[in-house]
């Protein structure tokens, strides 16, 4: 059996390490009583740092690395994304707090996988809707403007798109009545996956590609060839399999990523124009 090199080992273990880290943080929050909000915030930056390091060690495409100017843009979009996500969650809490059951119906070990299924289905549905309905695409298309996919531009989103998508997922979880502990566990997994699937890393996930979403699948989602640009799930590959939008196969890579019509949206660096564009004109 051939011996794995250091880069091969990183390619194989990149996703399992992230999943182990998410589980460890959840256990520590439960055991040590850490403040969940602070822990998730720090975990997010730890994931970002880990993946930036991998992008330098095992890059998929070195030309996709952000330059200093792009990092500046991404930082501004990150703030908008954080505001949109928090606003969506808070609106949902205000709307459904009065009707949520006081106690979960299931034990935590059963709640967590069920919450993951429900949350990932809601995420798949709202993401696919963002590519299907023109009025949602005017918001979501902002995310597809960059002609590269990397961990930094994971946060390139229109604030209203994040508010709608995060709010919809949180609403689905709240209406079912999952406990805050289960939602937290799923949230840590979603944070790790959201950054990981955008990472500009050459991974070797093998059979995991048929269970979990990874960069190999998500790069196809950003493809300018719409016949291969399925993969609306960001967490589980199950829903793309079930609804016929799974297009990945070993060795399949996009020839180009970005918009089919690059003039349909303002360039990523034109931040104010990007925020205003959905209400100024119809994006293609």
C-alpha atoms as a PDB file:
ATOM      1  CA  UNK A   1       0.000   0.000   0.000  1.00  0.00           C
ATOM      2  CA  UNK A   2       1.541   3.363  -1.031  1.00  0.00           C
ATOM      3  CA  UNK A   3       2.484   5.690   1.804  1.00  0.00           C
ATOM      4  CA  UNK A   4       0.508   8.931   2.079  1.00  0.00           C
ATOM      5  CA  UNK A   5       2.458  12.174   1.792  1.00  0.00           C
ATOM      6  CA  UNK A   6       1.777  15.069   4.143  1.00  0.00           C
ATOM      7  CA  UNK A   7      -0.384  16.802   1.526  1.00  0.00           C
ATOM      8  CA  UNK A   8      -2.290  13.603   0.815  1.00  0.00           C
ATOM      9  CA  UNK A   9      -3.012  13.264   4.522  1.00  0.00           C
ATOM     10  CA  UNK A  10      -4.312  16.841   4.701  1.00  0.00           C
ATOM     11  CA  UNK A  11      -6.510  16.215   1.669  1.00  0.00           C
ATOM     12  CA  UNK A  12      -8.067  13.131   3.262  1.00  0.00           C
ATOM     13  CA  UNK A  13      -8.472  14.472   6.810  1.00  0.00           C
ATOM     14  CA  UNK A  14      -9.547  18.079   6.111  1.00  0.00           C
ATOM     15  CA  UNK A  15     -13.273  17.497   6.585  1.00  0.00           C
ATOM     16  CA  UNK A  16     -13.078  14.909   9.419  1.00  0.00           C
ATOM     17  CA  UNK A  17     -10.906  17.341  11.413  1.00  0.00           C
ATOM     18  CA  UNK A  18     -13.533  20.065  11.035  1.00  0.00           C
ATOM     19  CA  UNK A  19     -16.349  17.744  12.080  1.00  0.00           C
ATOM     20  CA  UNK A  20     -14.358  16.588  15.108  1.00  0.00           C
ATOM     21  CA  UNK A  21     -13.671  20.216  16.050  1.00  0.00           C
ATOM     22  CA  UNK A  22     -17.369  21.123  15.824  1.00  0.00           C
ATOM     23  CA  UNK A  23     -18.296  18.170  18.038  1.00  0.00           C
ATOM     24  CA  UNK A  24     -15.573  19.029  20.536  1.00  0.00           C
ATOM     25  CA  UNK A  25     -16.723  22.640  20.844  1.00  0.00           C
ATOM     26  CA  UNK A  26     -20.297  21.495  21.459  1.00  0.00           C
ATOM     27  CA  UNK A  27     -19.182  19.071  24.180  1.00  0.00           C
ATOM     28  CA  UNK A  28     -17.124  21.804  25.847  1.00  0.00           C
ATOM     29  CA  UNK A  29     -20.048  24.235  25.769  1.00  0.00           C
ATOM     30  CA  UNK A  30     -22.214  21.597  27.417  1.00  0.00           C
ATOM     31  CA  UNK A  31     -19.614  20.471  29.962  1.00  0.00           C
ATOM     32  CA  UNK A  32     -17.961  23.776  30.833  1.00  0.00           C
ATOM     33  CA  UNK A  33     -20.942  26.081  30.531  1.00  0.00           C
ATOM     34  CA  UNK A  34     -19.299  28.297  27.929  1.00  0.00           C
ATOM     35  CA  UNK A  35     -21.407  31.115  26.513  1.00  0.00           C
ATOM     36  CA  UNK A  36     -22.705  29.674  23.252  1.00  0.00           C
ATOM     37  CA  UNK A  37     -22.628  32.912  21.277  1.00  0.00           C
ATOM     38  CA  UNK A  38     -19.001  33.641  22.169  1.00  0.00           C
ATOM     39  CA  UNK A  39     -17.956  30.055  21.503  1.00  0.00           C
ATOM     40  CA  UNK A  40     -19.597  29.979  18.061  1.00  0.00           C
ATOM     41  CA  UNK A  41     -18.001  33.328  17.158  1.00  0.00           C
ATOM     42  CA  UNK A  42     -14.522  32.110  18.124  1.00  0.00           C
ATOM     43  CA  UNK A  43     -15.104  28.752  16.441  1.00  0.00           C
ATOM     44  CA  UNK A  44     -15.997  30.541  13.218  1.00  0.00           C
ATOM     45  CA  UNK A  45     -12.669  32.370  13.172  1.00  0.00           C
ATOM     46  CA  UNK A  46     -10.784  29.211  14.069  1.00  0.00           C
ATOM     47  CA  UNK A  47     -12.393  27.442  11.101  1.00  0.00           C
ATOM     48  CA  UNK A  48     -11.546  30.375   8.842  1.00  0.00           C
ATOM     49  CA  UNK A  49      -7.902  30.333   9.971  1.00  0.00           C
ATOM     50  CA  UNK A  50      -7.631  26.570   9.511  1.00  0.00           C
ATOM     51  CA  UNK A  51      -9.020  26.716   5.984  1.00  0.00           C
ATOM     52  CA  UNK A  52      -6.912  29.708   4.951  1.00  0.00           C
ATOM     53  CA  UNK A  53      -3.888  27.663   6.013  1.00  0.00           C
ATOM     54  CA  UNK A  54      -5.091  24.687   3.949  1.00  0.00           C
ATOM     55  CA  UNK A  55      -5.641  26.964   0.958  1.00  0.00           C
ATOM     56  CA  UNK A  56      -1.918  27.701   1.058  1.00  0.00           C
ATOM     57  CA  UNK A  57      -0.812  24.126   1.722  1.00  0.00           C
ATOM     58  CA  UNK A  58      -3.089  22.197  -0.652  1.00  0.00           C
ATOM     59  CA  UNK A  59      -4.667  24.753  -3.028  1.00  0.00           C
ATOM     60  CA  UNK A  60      -7.075  23.631  -5.721  1.00  0.00           C
ATOM     61  CA  UNK A  61      -6.200  26.624  -7.892  1.00  0.00           C
ATOM     62  CA  UNK A  62      -3.468  29.009  -6.647  1.00  0.00           C
ATOM     63  CA  UNK A  63      -4.889  31.803  -8.831  1.00  0.00           C
ATOM     64  CA  UNK A  64      -8.069  31.717  -6.729  1.00  0.00           C
ATOM     65  CA  UNK A  65      -6.273  33.003  -3.630  1.00  0.00           C
ATOM     66  CA  UNK A  66      -7.636  36.431  -2.619  1.00  0.00           C
ATOM     67  CA  UNK A  67      -5.285  39.397  -2.859  1.00  0.00           C
ATOM     68  CA  UNK A  68      -5.151  42.123  -0.224  1.00  0.00           C
ATOM     69  CA  UNK A  69      -7.790  44.225  -1.963  1.00  0.00           C
ATOM     70  CA  UNK A  70     -10.202  41.276  -2.174  1.00  0.00           C
ATOM     71  CA  UNK A  71      -9.713  40.493   1.508  1.00  0.00           C
ATOM     72  CA  UNK A  72     -10.799  44.068   2.227  1.00  0.00           C
ATOM     73  CA  UNK A  73     -13.983  43.579   0.226  1.00  0.00           C
ATOM     74  CA  UNK A  74     -14.656  40.246   1.885  1.00  0.00           C
ATOM     75  CA  UNK A  75     -14.325  41.783   5.339  1.00  0.00           C
ATOM     76  CA  UNK A  76     -17.050  44.326   4.535  1.00  0.00           C
ATOM     77  CA  UNK A  77     -19.334  41.630   3.139  1.00  0.00           C
ATOM     78  CA  UNK A  78     -18.664  39.509   6.218  1.00  0.00           C
ATOM     79  CA  UNK A  79     -20.123  42.264   8.398  1.00  0.00           C
ATOM     80  CA  UNK A  80     -23.231  42.462   6.211  1.00  0.00           C
ATOM     81  CA  UNK A  81     -23.577  38.680   6.295  1.00  0.00           C
ATOM     82  CA  UNK A  82     -23.264  38.617  10.090  1.00  0.00           C
ATOM     83  CA  UNK A  83     -25.875  41.378  10.442  1.00  0.00           C
ATOM     84  CA  UNK A  84     -28.270  39.663   8.038  1.00  0.00           C
ATOM     85  CA  UNK A  85     -27.908  36.292   9.743  1.00  0.00           C
ATOM     86  CA  UNK A  86     -28.401  37.687  13.233  1.00  0.00           C
ATOM     87  CA  UNK A  87     -31.399  39.768  12.108  1.00  0.00           C
ATOM     88  CA  UNK A  88     -33.056  36.768  10.513  1.00  0.00           C
ATOM     89  CA  UNK A  89     -32.605  34.679  13.647  1.00  0.00           C
ATOM     90  CA  UNK A  90     -33.900  37.441  15.922  1.00  0.00           C
ATOM     91  CA  UNK A  91     -36.993  38.024  13.801  1.00  0.00           C
ATOM     92  CA  UNK A  92     -37.781  34.322  13.949  1.00  0.00           C
ATOM     93  CA  UNK A  93     -37.306  34.230  17.710  1.00  0.00           C
ATOM     94  CA  UNK A  94     -39.753  37.106  18.100  1.00  0.00           C
ATOM     95  CA  UNK A  95     -42.274  35.458  15.782  1.00  0.00           C
ATOM     96  CA  UNK A  96     -42.311  31.920  17.162  1.00  0.00           C
ATOM     97  CA  UNK A  97     -41.093  32.270  20.744  1.00  0.00           C
ATOM     98  CA  UNK A  98     -44.639  32.301  22.057  1.00  0.00           C
ATOM     99  CA  UNK A  99     -45.625  29.038  20.341  1.00  0.00           C
ATOM    100  CA  UNK A 100     -42.467  26.974  20.801  1.00  0.00           C
ATOM    101  CA  UNK A 101     -42.977  23.994  23.121  1.00  0.00           C
ATOM    102  CA  UNK A 102     -41.425  24.424  26.583  1.00  0.00           C
ATOM    103  CA  UNK A 103     -39.710  21.049  26.442  1.00  0.00           C
ATOM    104  CA  UNK A 104     -38.370  19.055  23.485  1.00  0.00           C
ATOM    105  CA  UNK A 105     -40.259  15.884  22.677  1.00  0.00           C
ATOM    106  CA  UNK A 106     -37.097  13.883  21.977  1.00  0.00           C
ATOM    107  CA  UNK A 107     -33.817  13.259  23.806  1.00  0.00           C
ATOM    108  CA  UNK A 108     -30.828  15.251  22.573  1.00  0.00           C
ATOM    109  CA  UNK A 109     -29.181  12.277  20.837  1.00  0.00           C
ATOM    110  CA  UNK A 110     -32.295  11.924  18.644  1.00  0.00           C
ATOM    111  CA  UNK A 111     -32.923  15.649  18.254  1.00  0.00           C
ATOM    112  CA  UNK A 112     -29.553  16.504  16.734  1.00  0.00           C
ATOM    113  CA  UNK A 113     -29.713  14.269  13.616  1.00  0.00           C
ATOM    114  CA  UNK A 114     -33.370  15.143  13.079  1.00  0.00           C
ATOM    115  CA  UNK A 115     -32.629  18.865  13.402  1.00  0.00           C
ATOM    116  CA  UNK A 116     -29.803  18.424  10.888  1.00  0.00           C
ATOM    117  CA  UNK A 117     -32.178  16.761   8.417  1.00  0.00           C
ATOM    118  CA  UNK A 118     -34.851  19.439   8.816  1.00  0.00           C
ATOM    119  CA  UNK A 119     -32.387  22.335   8.749  1.00  0.00           C
ATOM    120  CA  UNK A 120     -30.475  21.029   5.739  1.00  0.00           C
ATOM    121  CA  UNK A 121     -33.728  20.439   3.833  1.00  0.00           C
ATOM    122  CA  UNK A 122     -34.856  23.999   4.573  1.00  0.00           C
ATOM    123  CA  UNK A 123     -31.445  25.289   3.499  1.00  0.00           C
ATOM    124  CA  UNK A 124     -31.612  23.279   0.265  1.00  0.00           C
ATOM    125  CA  UNK A 125     -35.107  24.568  -0.497  1.00  0.00           C
ATOM    126  CA  UNK A 126     -34.361  28.254   0.036  1.00  0.00           C
ATOM    127  CA  UNK A 127     -31.055  27.970  -1.857  1.00  0.00           C
ATOM    128  CA  UNK A 128     -32.688  26.301  -4.841  1.00  0.00           C
ATOM    129  CA  UNK A 129     -35.433  28.926  -4.768  1.00  0.00           C
ATOM    130  CA  UNK A 130     -32.711  31.568  -4.962  1.00  0.00           C
ATOM    131  CA  UNK A 131     -31.659  30.097  -8.309  1.00  0.00           C
ATOM    132  CA  UNK A 132     -35.201  29.510  -9.558  1.00  0.00           C
ATOM    133  CA  UNK A 133     -37.173  32.681  -8.913  1.00  0.00           C
ATOM    134  CA  UNK A 134     -35.956  35.893 -10.541  1.00  0.00           C
ATOM    135  CA  UNK A 135     -36.789  38.130  -7.589  1.00  0.00           C
ATOM    136  CA  UNK A 136     -34.724  35.923  -5.241  1.00  0.00           C
ATOM    137  CA  UNK A 137     -31.908  35.544  -7.778  1.00  0.00           C
ATOM    138  CA  UNK A 138     -31.510  39.335  -7.786  1.00  0.00           C
ATOM    139  CA  UNK A 139     -30.364  38.914  -4.197  1.00  0.00           C
ATOM    140  CA  UNK A 140     -28.625  35.539  -4.277  1.00  0.00           C
ATOM    141  CA  UNK A 141     -26.758  36.157  -7.526  1.00  0.00           C
ATOM    142  CA  UNK A 142     -24.435  38.512  -5.640  1.00  0.00           C
ATOM    143  CA  UNK A 143     -22.777  35.433  -4.160  1.00  0.00           C
ATOM    144  CA  UNK A 144     -21.958  34.095  -7.628  1.00  0.00           C
ATOM    145  CA  UNK A 145     -20.256  37.209  -8.970  1.00  0.00           C
ATOM    146  CA  UNK A 146     -16.629  36.272  -8.082  1.00  0.00           C
ATOM    147  CA  UNK A 147     -14.830  34.289 -10.765  1.00  0.00           C
ATOM    148  CA  UNK A 148     -13.168  32.157  -8.102  1.00  0.00           C
ATOM    149  CA  UNK A 149     -14.312  30.142  -5.084  1.00  0.00           C
ATOM    150  CA  UNK A 150     -12.411  30.460  -1.817  1.00  0.00           C
ATOM    151  CA  UNK A 151     -13.052  30.564   1.895  1.00  0.00           C
ATOM    152  CA  UNK A 152     -12.978  34.371   1.905  1.00  0.00           C
ATOM    153  CA  UNK A 153     -15.776  34.906  -0.583  1.00  0.00           C
ATOM    154  CA  UNK A 154     -18.058  32.556   1.317  1.00  0.00           C
ATOM    155  CA  UNK A 155     -19.289  35.782   2.911  1.00  0.00           C
ATOM    156  CA  UNK A 156     -19.946  37.661  -0.335  1.00  0.00           C
ATOM    157  CA  UNK A 157     -23.723  37.882  -0.029  1.00  0.00           C
ATOM    158  CA  UNK A 158     -26.466  40.455  -0.202  1.00  0.00           C
ATOM    159  CA  UNK A 159     -27.599  41.208   3.342  1.00  0.00           C
ATOM    160  CA  UNK A 160     -31.261  40.639   2.395  1.00  0.00           C
ATOM    161  CA  UNK A 161     -30.428  37.229   0.920  1.00  0.00           C
ATOM    162  CA  UNK A 162     -28.804  36.162   4.185  1.00  0.00           C
ATOM    163  CA  UNK A 163     -31.720  37.504   6.222  1.00  0.00           C
ATOM    164  CA  UNK A 164     -34.210  35.518   4.135  1.00  0.00           C
ATOM    165  CA  UNK A 165     -32.210  32.280   3.964  1.00  0.00           C
ATOM    166  CA  UNK A 166     -31.136  32.218   7.618  1.00  0.00           C
ATOM    167  CA  UNK A 167     -34.573  33.292   8.760  1.00  0.00           C
ATOM    168  CA  UNK A 168     -36.240  30.525   6.750  1.00  0.00           C
ATOM    169  CA  UNK A 169     -33.954  27.816   8.156  1.00  0.00           C
ATOM    170  CA  UNK A 170     -34.310  29.069  11.721  1.00  0.00           C
ATOM    171  CA  UNK A 171     -38.081  29.267  11.277  1.00  0.00           C
ATOM    172  CA  UNK A 172     -38.212  25.642  10.139  1.00  0.00           C
ATOM    173  CA  UNK A 173     -36.226  24.505  13.189  1.00  0.00           C
ATOM    174  CA  UNK A 174     -38.226  26.649  15.612  1.00  0.00           C
ATOM    175  CA  UNK A 175     -41.616  25.575  14.292  1.00  0.00           C
ATOM    176  CA  UNK A 176     -40.719  21.901  14.700  1.00  0.00           C
ATOM    177  CA  UNK A 177     -39.765  22.699  18.278  1.00  0.00           C
ATOM    178  CA  UNK A 178     -36.141  21.637  18.547  1.00  0.00           C
ATOM    179  CA  UNK A 179     -34.296  22.590  21.706  1.00  0.00           C
ATOM    180  CA  UNK A 180     -31.683  25.316  21.736  1.00  0.00           C
ATOM    181  CA  UNK A 181     -29.021  22.687  22.455  1.00  0.00           C
ATOM    182  CA  UNK A 182     -29.869  20.734  19.301  1.00  0.00           C
ATOM    183  CA  UNK A 183     -29.965  23.901  17.195  1.00  0.00           C
ATOM    184  CA  UNK A 184     -26.562  24.890  18.614  1.00  0.00           C
ATOM    185  CA  UNK A 185     -25.040  21.519  17.710  1.00  0.00           C
ATOM    186  CA  UNK A 186     -26.369  21.768  14.166  1.00  0.00           C
ATOM    187  CA  UNK A 187     -25.279  25.403  13.966  1.00  0.00           C
ATOM    188  CA  UNK A 188     -21.657  24.504  14.693  1.00  0.00           C
ATOM    189  CA  UNK A 189     -21.753  21.897  11.941  1.00  0.00           C
ATOM    190  CA  UNK A 190     -23.305  24.410   9.521  1.00  0.00           C
ATOM    191  CA  UNK A 191     -20.630  27.006  10.302  1.00  0.00           C
ATOM    192  CA  UNK A 192     -17.866  24.494   9.599  1.00  0.00           C
ATOM    193  CA  UNK A 193     -19.524  23.257   6.408  1.00  0.00           C
ATOM    194  CA  UNK A 194     -20.344  26.729   5.090  1.00  0.00           C
ATOM    195  CA  UNK A 195     -16.690  27.719   5.058  1.00  0.00           C
ATOM    196  CA  UNK A 196     -15.379  24.300   4.086  1.00  0.00           C
ATOM    197  CA  UNK A 197     -17.442  23.878   0.917  1.00  0.00           C
ATOM    198  CA  UNK A 198     -16.074  27.197  -0.369  1.00  0.00           C
ATOM    199  CA  UNK A 199     -12.458  26.425   0.490  1.00  0.00           C
ATOM    200  CA  UNK A 200      -9.974  26.559  -2.367  1.00  0.00           C
ATOM    201  CA  UNK A 201      -8.439  23.247  -1.347  1.00  0.00           C
ATOM    202  CA  UNK A 202      -7.739  20.073  -3.273  1.00  0.00           C
ATOM    203  CA  UNK A 203      -9.362  17.503  -1.032  1.00  0.00           C
ATOM    204  CA  UNK A 204      -9.881  13.764  -1.428  1.00  0.00           C
ATOM    205  CA  UNK A 205     -13.160  13.006   0.298  1.00  0.00           C
ATOM    206  CA  UNK A 206     -13.959   9.773  -1.558  1.00  0.00           C
ATOM    207  CA  UNK A 207     -17.210   8.185  -0.433  1.00  0.00           C
ATOM    208  CA  UNK A 208     -17.877  11.124   1.916  1.00  0.00           C
ATOM    209  CA  UNK A 209     -18.934  13.047  -1.205  1.00  0.00           C
ATOM    210  CA  UNK A 210     -22.064  10.896  -1.282  1.00  0.00           C
ATOM    211  CA  UNK A 211     -22.936  11.773   2.328  1.00  0.00           C
ATOM    212  CA  UNK A 212     -21.633  15.278   3.029  1.00  0.00           C
ATOM    213  CA  UNK A 213     -21.139  18.259   0.760  1.00  0.00           C
ATOM    214  CA  UNK A 214     -17.533  19.255   0.074  1.00  0.00           C
ATOM    215  CA  UNK A 215     -15.557  21.678  -2.113  1.00  0.00           C
ATOM    216  CA  UNK A 216     -15.555  19.277  -5.057  1.00  0.00           C
ATOM    217  CA  UNK A 217     -19.348  19.480  -5.250  1.00  0.00           C
ATOM    218  CA  UNK A 218     -19.717  23.131  -4.411  1.00  0.00           C
ATOM    219  CA  UNK A 219     -17.252  24.269  -7.071  1.00  0.00           C
ATOM    220  CA  UNK A 220     -19.619  22.663  -9.575  1.00  0.00           C
ATOM    221  CA  UNK A 221     -22.478  24.650  -8.043  1.00  0.00           C
ATOM    222  CA  UNK A 222     -20.566  27.830  -8.975  1.00  0.00           C
ATOM    223  CA  UNK A 223     -19.893  26.575 -12.516  1.00  0.00           C
ATOM    224  CA  UNK A 224     -20.842  28.740 -15.479  1.00  0.00           C
ATOM    225  CA  UNK A 225     -22.043  25.521 -17.175  1.00  0.00           C
ATOM    226  CA  UNK A 226     -25.585  25.322 -15.794  1.00  0.00           C
ATOM    227  CA  UNK A 227     -25.915  21.663 -16.786  1.00  0.00           C
ATOM    228  CA  UNK A 228     -23.507  20.757 -13.968  1.00  0.00           C
ATOM    229  CA  UNK A 229     -24.323  23.586 -11.556  1.00  0.00           C
ATOM    230  CA  UNK A 230     -26.613  21.674  -9.208  1.00  0.00           C
ATOM    231  CA  UNK A 231     -25.625  20.953  -5.620  1.00  0.00           C
ATOM    232  CA  UNK A 232     -27.881  23.329  -3.703  1.00  0.00           C
ATOM    233  CA  UNK A 233     -27.141  21.613  -0.404  1.00  0.00           C
ATOM    234  CA  UNK A 234     -24.318  22.904   1.769  1.00  0.00           C
ATOM    235  CA  UNK A 235     -24.415  20.253   4.478  1.00  0.00           C
ATOM    236  CA  UNK A 236     -25.807  16.895   3.342  1.00  0.00           C
ATOM    237  CA  UNK A 237     -25.607  15.406  -0.153  1.00  0.00           C
ATOM    238  CA  UNK A 238     -28.895  13.587   0.548  1.00  0.00           C
ATOM    239  CA  UNK A 239     -31.243  16.256  -0.800  1.00  0.00           C
ATOM    240  CA  UNK A 240     -29.342  16.756  -4.067  1.00  0.00           C
ATOM    241  CA  UNK A 241     -29.461  12.988  -4.536  1.00  0.00           C
ATOM    242  CA  UNK A 242     -33.164  12.838  -3.755  1.00  0.00           C
ATOM    243  CA  UNK A 243     -34.202  15.773  -5.947  1.00  0.00           C
ATOM    244  CA  UNK A 244     -31.929  15.036  -8.918  1.00  0.00           C
ATOM    245  CA  UNK A 245     -29.473  17.933  -8.574  1.00  0.00           C
ATOM    246  CA  UNK A 246     -26.378  15.856  -7.752  1.00  0.00           C
ATOM    247  CA  UNK A 247     -23.948  16.208 -10.683  1.00  0.00           C
ATOM    248  CA  UNK A 248     -20.541  15.392  -9.188  1.00  0.00           C
ATOM    249  CA  UNK A 249     -18.516  12.392 -10.242  1.00  0.00           C
ATOM    250  CA  UNK A 250     -14.840  11.626  -9.585  1.00  0.00           C
ATOM    251  CA  UNK A 251     -12.631  13.901 -11.673  1.00  0.00           C
ATOM    252  CA  UNK A 252     -15.403  16.285 -12.715  1.00  0.00           C
ATOM    253  CA  UNK A 253     -14.276  19.893 -12.323  1.00  0.00           C
ATOM    254  CA  UNK A 254     -15.782  23.164 -13.584  1.00  0.00           C
ATOM    255  CA  UNK A 255     -14.053  24.862 -16.494  1.00  0.00           C
ATOM    256  CA  UNK A 256     -15.021  28.270 -15.133  1.00  0.00           C
ATOM    257  CA  UNK A 257     -16.947  29.622 -12.146  1.00  0.00           C
ATOM    258  CA  UNK A 258     -18.958  32.793 -11.728  1.00  0.00           C
ATOM    259  CA  UNK A 259     -21.883  34.258 -13.636  1.00  0.00           C
ATOM    260  CA  UNK A 260     -23.070  33.159 -17.063  1.00  0.00           C
ATOM    261  CA  UNK A 261     -23.655  36.869 -17.733  1.00  0.00           C
ATOM    262  CA  UNK A 262     -20.945  38.805 -15.825  1.00  0.00           C
ATOM    263  CA  UNK A 263     -22.698  42.123 -16.587  1.00  0.00           C
ATOM    264  CA  UNK A 264     -25.858  41.080 -14.749  1.00  0.00           C
ATOM    265  CA  UNK A 265     -24.519  42.271 -11.395  1.00  0.00           C
ATOM    266  CA  UNK A 266     -22.053  44.939 -10.239  1.00  0.00           C
ATOM    267  CA  UNK A 267     -18.490  43.772  -9.612  1.00  0.00           C
ATOM    268  CA  UNK A 268     -17.827  42.487  -6.089  1.00  0.00           C
ATOM    269  CA  UNK A 269     -15.737  45.537  -5.218  1.00  0.00           C
ATOM    270  CA  UNK A 270     -18.639  47.901  -5.949  1.00  0.00           C
ATOM    271  CA  UNK A 271     -20.239  47.228  -2.597  1.00  0.00           C
ATOM    272  CA  UNK A 272     -22.793  50.055  -2.442  1.00  0.00           C
ATOM    273  CA  UNK A 273     -23.893  49.381  -6.020  1.00  0.00           C
ATOM    274  CA  UNK A 274     -24.253  45.698  -5.157  1.00  0.00           C
ATOM    275  CA  UNK A 275     -26.488  46.441  -2.178  1.00  0.00           C
ATOM    276  CA  UNK A 276     -28.691  48.733  -4.254  1.00  0.00           C
ATOM    277  CA  UNK A 277     -28.777  46.710  -7.478  1.00  0.00           C
ATOM    278  CA  UNK A 278     -31.745  44.406  -6.720  1.00  0.00           C
ATOM    279  CA  UNK A 279     -34.041  47.430  -6.452  1.00  0.00           C
ATOM    280  CA  UNK A 280     -32.540  49.481  -9.283  1.00  0.00           C
ATOM    281  CA  UNK A 281     -32.763  47.023 -12.137  1.00  0.00           C
ATOM    282  CA  UNK A 282     -33.453  43.414 -12.944  1.00  0.00           C
ATOM    283  CA  UNK A 283     -30.362  41.211 -12.640  1.00  0.00           C
ATOM    284  CA  UNK A 284     -30.085  38.417 -15.202  1.00  0.00           C
END
